[in-house]
Amino acid sequence: MALLDPAVEWRNTGVPTFRGSKVVGMLRDMERRGIGFRVDLTHIVSDGSVVLTERTDILSYRRWETSFWVCGTFEVADGLITLWDDHFSMGNFVAASIRGLIGIARR
């Protein structure tokens, strides 16, 4: 969160865009609710102030966990992220979420 510009814009496929303090507020709310978030980077490349990532995002809550492919574009100015734009398939996200629920049922 320390790397986010105060006016950051966070875009996610199929989800409304969030800006500024709402981004930090959402991340803190996830933390407060015990929602886990981690990233396994596959590729990362930069060109000037733009950073592209290919990664797997892992979300968790209690015993539920899901992982799904994400391509992220970050724009950086003065060492802070001004744009965080994630692209992913909502269908893959939903399918991965269902697999997470099935995993809980099997335990």
Protein backbone atom coordinates (compact mmCIF):
# COMPACT_ATOMS: atom_id res chain seq x y z
CA MET A 1 0.00 0.00 0.00
CA ALA A 2 2.97 2.26 0.59
CA LEU A 3 3.74 2.11 -3.15
CA LEU A 4 0.32 3.40 -4.24
CA ASP A 5 -0.01 7.00 -5.40
CA PRO A 6 -2.73 8.85 -3.42
CA ALA A 7 -4.67 9.24 -6.70
CA VAL A 8 -4.10 5.63 -7.88
CA GLU A 9 -6.64 4.09 -10.24
CA TRP A 10 -7.35 0.34 -9.79
CA ARG A 11 -9.14 -1.43 -12.63
CA ASN A 12 -10.23 -5.07 -12.60
CA THR A 13 -12.04 -6.98 -15.34
CA GLY A 14 -15.78 -6.93 -14.73
CA VAL A 15 -15.49 -4.88 -11.53
CA PRO A 16 -15.97 -1.13 -11.08
CA THR A 17 -12.85 1.05 -11.14
CA PHE A 18 -11.66 2.33 -7.77
CA ARG A 19 -9.61 5.47 -7.23
CA GLY A 20 -7.53 7.10 -4.54
CA SER A 21 -8.19 6.34 -0.91
CA LYS A 22 -10.89 3.79 -1.83
CA VAL A 23 -8.16 1.47 -3.12
CA VAL A 24 -6.25 1.52 0.17
CA GLY A 25 -9.56 1.24 2.03
CA MET A 26 -10.52 -1.88 0.07
CA LEU A 27 -7.14 -3.53 0.65
CA ARG A 28 -7.29 -2.75 4.37
CA ASP A 29 -10.87 -4.06 4.52
CA MET A 30 -9.75 -7.32 2.91
CA GLU A 31 -7.02 -7.58 5.53
CA ARG A 32 -9.44 -6.79 8.35
CA ARG A 33 -11.89 -9.45 7.15
CA GLY A 34 -9.13 -12.06 6.94
CA ILE A 35 -9.17 -12.32 3.14
CA GLY A 36 -5.76 -13.53 2.04
CA PHE A 37 -4.10 -12.31 -1.15
CA ARG A 38 -0.83 -13.48 -2.61
CA VAL A 39 0.78 -13.54 -6.02
CA ASP A 40 2.95 -16.04 -7.88
CA LEU A 41 4.74 -14.09 -10.64
CA THR A 42 5.33 -15.88 -13.94
CA HIS A 43 6.75 -12.98 -15.96
CA ILE A 44 7.47 -9.33 -15.31
CA VAL A 45 8.81 -6.76 -17.74
CA SER A 46 9.11 -3.00 -17.73
CA ASP A 47 9.43 -0.34 -20.38
CA GLY A 48 10.01 3.09 -18.92
CA SER A 49 7.20 3.83 -16.49
CA VAL A 50 5.08 0.81 -17.49
CA VAL A 51 5.37 -2.60 -15.82
CA LEU A 52 3.59 -5.67 -17.18
CA THR A 53 3.03 -8.79 -15.10
CA GLU A 54 1.78 -12.27 -15.88
CA ARG A 55 0.91 -13.99 -12.66
CA THR A 56 -1.37 -16.26 -10.69
CA ASP A 57 -3.36 -14.50 -7.98
CA ILE A 58 -4.39 -16.54 -4.96
CA LEU A 59 -7.32 -15.40 -2.83
CA SER A 60 -8.30 -17.18 0.36
CA TYR A 61 -10.85 -16.93 3.12
CA ARG A 62 -10.77 -19.38 6.00
CA ARG A 63 -10.61 -22.84 4.36
CA TRP A 64 -11.54 -21.60 0.86
CA GLU A 65 -8.83 -20.79 -1.67
CA THR A 66 -8.85 -19.95 -5.36
CA SER A 67 -6.10 -19.24 -7.85
CA PHE A 68 -6.46 -17.74 -11.31
CA TRP A 69 -4.35 -16.24 -14.10
CA VAL A 70 -3.98 -12.45 -14.25
CA CYS A 71 -2.18 -10.06 -16.58
CA GLY A 72 -1.47 -6.74 -14.88
CA THR A 73 -0.41 -3.37 -16.24
CA PHE A 74 1.09 -0.90 -13.81
CA GLU A 75 2.03 2.69 -14.54
CA VAL A 76 4.55 4.25 -12.18
CA ALA A 77 5.43 7.89 -11.57
CA ASP A 78 7.93 9.14 -8.99
CA GLY A 79 8.24 5.60 -7.61
CA LEU A 80 4.49 5.22 -6.95
CA ILE A 81 1.86 3.18 -8.78
CA THR A 82 -0.59 5.54 -10.50
CA LEU A 83 -2.48 2.87 -12.46
CA TRP A 84 -3.10 -0.78 -11.50
CA ASP A 85 -5.01 -2.46 -14.31
CA ASP A 86 -5.67 -6.21 -13.98
CA HIS A 87 -7.04 -8.35 -16.81
CA PHE A 88 -8.41 -11.84 -16.22
CA SER A 89 -11.19 -14.12 -17.36
CA MET A 90 -14.23 -13.83 -15.11
CA GLY A 91 -15.19 -17.34 -16.25
CA ASN A 92 -11.83 -18.70 -15.08
CA PHE A 93 -12.22 -16.84 -11.79
CA VAL A 94 -15.70 -18.30 -11.20
CA ALA A 95 -14.56 -21.82 -12.17
CA ALA A 96 -11.53 -21.54 -9.85
CA SER A 97 -13.79 -20.32 -7.04
CA ILE A 98 -16.10 -23.30 -7.49
CA ARG A 99 -13.07 -25.64 -7.45
CA GLY A 100 -12.11 -24.02 -4.14
CA LEU A 101 -15.56 -24.78 -2.72
CA ILE A 102 -15.36 -28.37 -3.95
CA GLY A 103 -11.98 -28.67 -2.25
CA ILE A 104 -13.57 -27.66 1.06
CA ALA A 105 -16.34 -30.25 0.61
CA ARG A 106 -13.83 -33.00 -0.08
CA ARG A 107 -11.88 -32.32 3.11
